Protein backbone atom coordinates (compact mmCIF):
# COMPACT_ATOMS: atom_id res chain seq x y z
CA UNK A 1 -5.86 -39.76 -31.65
CA UNK A 2 -5.35 -38.37 -28.23
CA UNK A 3 -4.04 -35.22 -29.52
CA UNK A 4 -6.98 -34.76 -31.95
CA UNK A 5 -9.54 -34.99 -29.21
CA UNK A 6 -7.43 -32.63 -27.18
CA UNK A 7 -7.37 -30.01 -30.09
CA UNK A 8 -11.22 -30.56 -30.68
CA UNK A 9 -11.99 -29.98 -26.82
CA UNK A 10 -9.63 -26.55 -27.07
CA UNK A 11 -11.70 -25.50 -30.03
CA UNK A 12 -14.93 -26.16 -28.26
CA UNK A 13 -13.87 -24.14 -25.31
CA UNK A 14 -12.27 -21.40 -27.10
CA UNK A 15 -15.67 -21.05 -29.12
CA UNK A 16 -17.78 -21.37 -26.17
CA UNK A 17 -15.80 -18.49 -24.49
CA UNK A 18 -15.72 -16.00 -27.26
CA UNK A 19 -19.61 -16.45 -28.24
CA UNK A 20 -20.77 -15.30 -24.76
CA UNK A 21 -22.39 -12.02 -25.20
CA UNK A 22 -21.74 -9.59 -22.93
CA UNK A 23 -23.74 -6.12 -22.34
CA UNK A 24 -21.80 -2.78 -23.06
CA UNK A 25 -21.57 -0.43 -20.40
CA UNK A 26 -24.32 2.16 -19.72
CA UNK A 27 -22.71 4.26 -16.89
CA UNK A 28 -19.38 5.62 -16.18
CA UNK A 29 -17.99 8.02 -13.20
CA UNK A 30 -16.98 11.23 -14.11
CA UNK A 31 -14.45 13.76 -12.02
CA UNK A 32 -12.94 16.74 -13.00
CA UNK A 33 -9.94 16.12 -10.39
CA UNK A 34 -9.24 12.53 -10.66
CA UNK A 35 -6.31 11.13 -13.04
CA UNK A 36 -6.82 7.49 -14.18
CA UNK A 37 -4.58 5.81 -11.46
CA UNK A 38 -6.54 7.90 -9.05
CA UNK A 39 -9.65 6.64 -10.38
CA UNK A 40 -8.41 3.08 -10.19
CA UNK A 41 -7.36 3.36 -6.78
CA UNK A 42 -10.58 4.84 -5.60
CA UNK A 43 -12.74 2.13 -7.63
CA UNK A 44 -10.81 -0.45 -5.97
CA UNK A 45 -11.06 0.62 -2.53
CA UNK A 46 -14.71 1.53 -2.77
CA UNK A 47 -15.41 -1.62 -4.22
CA UNK A 48 -13.69 -3.71 -1.16
CA UNK A 49 -15.04 -1.38 1.29
CA UNK A 50 -18.60 -2.08 0.15
CA UNK A 51 -17.95 -5.75 -0.21
CA UNK A 52 -16.57 -6.23 2.88
CA UNK A 53 -14.13 -8.93 1.93
CA UNK A 54 -11.02 -7.90 0.16
CA UNK A 55 -9.98 -11.21 -0.74
CA UNK A 56 -12.37 -11.35 -3.72
CA UNK A 57 -13.55 -9.63 -6.50
CA UNK A 58 -17.15 -8.01 -5.34
CA UNK A 59 -19.90 -8.60 -7.96
CA UNK A 60 -22.64 -6.10 -7.38
CA UNK A 61 -26.56 -5.75 -8.24
CA UNK A 62 -27.68 -2.29 -8.93
CA UNK A 63 -30.46 -2.43 -6.37
CA UNK A 64 -28.40 -4.04 -3.81
CA UNK A 65 -27.26 -2.55 -0.46
CA UNK A 66 -23.57 -3.22 -1.30
CA UNK A 67 -23.76 -1.02 -4.67
CA UNK A 68 -25.45 1.70 -3.00
CA UNK A 69 -22.65 1.58 -0.35
CA UNK A 70 -20.09 1.39 -3.48
CA UNK A 71 -21.86 4.40 -5.12
CA UNK A 72 -22.00 6.28 -1.73
CA UNK A 73 -18.42 5.83 -1.52
CA UNK A 74 -17.39 6.99 -4.96
CA UNK A 75 -19.74 10.24 -4.73
CA UNK A 76 -17.98 10.72 -1.60
CA UNK A 77 -14.76 10.91 -3.18
CA UNK A 78 -16.07 13.52 -5.65
CA UNK A 79 -17.29 11.26 -8.64
CA UNK A 80 -20.57 11.73 -10.28
CA UNK A 81 -22.03 8.54 -12.04
CA UNK A 82 -23.20 9.34 -15.83
CA UNK A 83 -25.24 7.60 -18.26
CA UNK A 84 -23.87 6.81 -21.71
């Protein structure tokens, strides 16, 4: 009986996780000079600098000061923010 309840709980959690809608991206960073690896390094560096805390993954609101700092950092490194 315990195995059936555990299996049912796992199925419920899996269904809840897979049914959560996510919005598709609407913007991307573009650079004629940066490779994929260079972009990842720059992106991570700018996120951490803008968040001010390297121990957590930053979450930015588009109209926040931290996003503005992140955007400025990326633009200073030669990236352009484009829309899909």
